[in-house]
Amino acid sequence: MRAPDFVESTQVSYDAIAEAYAAEHPDSLAGRPLERALLSAFVELVRAPGVPGRPPVADIGSGPGYVTARLHEAGLPVFGVDASPRMVALARRAHPELRFHVGSMTSLDLPEATLGGIVALYSIIHVPDDHLPSVFAGFRRVLLPGAPVLLGFQSGDEDGHQRLTERFGQEISLDYYWRTPDTVAGHLTRAGLDLHARVLREPEAGEKLPRAFLLARRPPVDGASAADD
């Protein structure tokens, strides 16, 4: 089945800027203690008693692979997924001990209830509003009961959208969407995921918009939700 147009434009755009992007962002978590703390919280939730065994974790929109590498260093079995073949090649070169695959969050080629967690930092920002419900439904499908998902995205006082046609001196066609935490939380809950926490960080140097982070999970038992506890 043909990928949606926005997936194809995202792939082509990141293929064009992959080397420059990876050089500028070899590890964007290095100077971000809050983000590292949230990733640590995610790791603990993956290891919680409600998630049996040691199922793999997916870093979706893995880019150069630095988040995947940090999850591996924390002791989780993890693999990265990115729409850009060039990004995947760079991630494999930087982290040859880890697995990276070309793929899209719009069509996760995974059996139901097989993942111990999902991280998607700054990757839903390229997904149009009308595709978010199916993306989050896909997350719920592949997560084990009780497994967490950590999202990071640009935010603001209201939802917005911008298309970039140039970056790093390359011609691209890349859509960026910023959303309030309430907007994304609503999509998560309607997809059957329970919200666990939300964090909003003010812009730091070089940033124009706040950063929002949401932790959610697939209910421990199908049909149950936090409201039933």
Foldseek 3Di string as FASTA:
>chain_A
DDDDPLLVQVQVQCLQCQVVVCVVPVDPCPPPVVVVVVLVVLLVLLVDPLNDDQFEEEEEQCFLNNSVVVSVVVPHRYEYEHQHPNSQVNNCVVPVVHHYYYDHLLDDPAAFARHSEYEYEAPCQQPDPVSLLSSLLSVLRRHHASHKYKYKAFEDPAKDKDWDQDDPRDGGTTMGIHHHPVSNVVSNVVSQKAWDDKDWAADDPPDDTIMIMTMIGHHSDPPDYPVND
